[in-house]
Every structure is written in structure tokens, then in C-alpha cells.
Amino acid sequence: MFILAIIGFIAIFWCLLSGLVRIIPWLILAVIVTSIISLVLDHFIWVAIIVGAFIFFYIVGSREEKKEQKSATIDGDFEEVKK
């Protein structure tokens, strides 16, 4: 990743010297995107654990919410029959 950053800075410096100023934002974007991809790939196990935890808690939370809605509906139906 460090080598990639050095290559990116060399490319930006070369663009400044040769007058290709329009390309510099695209080079900066390319360095940022490749750095993010490299970071994710280097720490893939942590990213997978975090994403898995979010999915797990979403599923558990939606099931609990459905249970609460169902019990509220059943309690409401019971009180209507009781009247």
C-alpha cells in the first residue's frame, strides 16, 4: 500500500510538471479508492465480523419486533372478545 501511495504521488508530481492539471483530481481519487480497497482486503476478517454482527442484530431485532406486534394484536383481539 505504501508503494502504491508513492506511485500516486509521483504521478501527481509528474502531472504538475508536465501541465496536466486536469488529471490530478482523478489520480487523487484513484489513490484513495485503491487505499480503501487495500485496507478492506488487509482487514477482511474484521470487516466480515462487523458486517455479520450488523446482519445478526438486524435479524434478531426484526424477529423481536414481529413478536411484539403479534402479541399486541392477540391481546387486542382478546379484549374485544371479552367485551
Protein backbone atom coordinates (compact mmCIF):
# COMPACT_ATOMS: atom_id res chain seq x y z
CA MET A 1 0.00 0.00 0.00
CA PHE A 2 2.88 2.32 0.77
CA ILE A 3 4.36 1.67 -2.66
CA LEU A 4 1.01 2.44 -4.26
CA ALA A 5 0.87 5.78 -2.44
CA ILE A 6 4.39 6.64 -3.57
CA ILE A 7 3.48 5.83 -7.18
CA GLY A 8 0.39 8.01 -6.86
CA PHE A 9 2.38 10.95 -5.51
CA ILE A 10 4.97 10.55 -8.26
CA ALA A 11 2.17 10.57 -10.86
CA ILE A 12 0.66 13.72 -9.32
CA PHE A 13 4.07 15.44 -9.27
CA TRP A 14 4.68 14.42 -12.90
CA CYS A 15 1.28 15.85 -13.90
CA LEU A 16 2.15 19.13 -12.21
CA LEU A 17 5.46 19.34 -14.05
CA SER A 18 4.00 18.44 -17.44
CA GLY A 19 0.97 20.72 -17.16
CA LEU A 20 -1.71 18.02 -16.91
CA VAL A 21 -3.51 19.68 -14.01
CA ARG A 22 -6.93 18.30 -15.03
CA ILE A 23 -5.84 14.72 -14.29
CA ILE A 24 -4.75 15.40 -10.70
CA PRO A 25 -8.23 15.03 -9.06
CA TRP A 26 -8.69 11.70 -10.84
CA LEU A 27 -5.29 10.50 -9.66
CA ILE A 28 -6.11 11.51 -6.08
CA LEU A 29 -9.43 9.67 -6.35
CA ALA A 30 -7.66 6.59 -7.71
CA VAL A 31 -5.16 6.61 -4.83
CA ILE A 32 -7.96 6.99 -2.27
CA VAL A 33 -10.10 4.21 -3.79
CA THR A 34 -7.20 1.78 -4.07
CA SER A 35 -6.14 2.60 -0.50
CA ILE A 36 -9.66 1.84 0.77
CA ILE A 37 -9.77 -1.42 -1.20
CA SER A 38 -6.37 -2.38 0.16
CA LEU A 39 -7.44 -1.56 3.71
CA VAL A 40 -10.57 -3.67 3.39
CA LEU A 41 -8.65 -6.60 1.92
CA ASP A 42 -5.95 -6.38 4.59
CA HIS A 43 -8.53 -6.38 7.37
CA PHE A 44 -11.14 -8.55 5.67
CA ILE A 45 -11.83 -10.70 8.72
CA TRP A 46 -12.72 -7.65 10.84
CA VAL A 47 -14.92 -6.19 8.11
CA ALA A 48 -16.68 -9.57 7.74
CA ILE A 49 -17.22 -9.80 11.53
CA ILE A 50 -18.67 -6.29 11.72
CA VAL A 51 -20.97 -6.81 8.73
CA GLY A 52 -22.04 -10.20 10.11
CA ALA A 53 -22.81 -8.64 13.51
CA PHE A 54 -24.98 -5.95 11.91
CA ILE A 55 -26.89 -8.56 9.91
CA PHE A 56 -27.33 -10.76 13.01
CA PHE A 57 -28.66 -7.91 15.16
CA TYR A 58 -30.96 -6.76 12.36
CA ILE A 59 -32.47 -10.24 12.04
CA VAL A 60 -32.85 -10.65 15.81
CA GLY A 61 -34.35 -7.17 16.18
CA SER A 62 -36.86 -7.69 13.36
CA ARG A 63 -37.97 -11.02 14.87
CA GLU A 64 -38.48 -9.42 18.28
CA GLU A 65 -40.45 -6.60 16.70
CA LYS A 66 -42.69 -9.07 14.87
CA LYS A 67 -43.28 -10.98 18.12
CA GLU A 68 -44.27 -7.78 19.91
CA GLN A 69 -46.66 -6.81 17.12
CA LYS A 70 -48.19 -10.27 17.11
CA SER A 71 -48.68 -10.33 20.89
CA ALA A 72 -50.20 -6.84 20.81
CA THR A 73 -52.64 -7.98 18.12
CA ILE A 74 -53.56 -11.10 20.10
CA ASP A 75 -54.05 -9.07 23.30
CA GLY A 76 -56.22 -6.59 21.42
CA ASP A 77 -58.34 -9.36 19.93
CA PHE A 78 -58.77 -10.96 23.36
CA GLU A 79 -60.04 -7.73 24.90
CA GLU A 80 -62.53 -7.25 22.05
CA VAL A 81 -63.92 -10.76 22.66
CA LYS A 82 -64.04 -10.12 26.41
CA LYS A 83 -66.33 -7.07 25.94
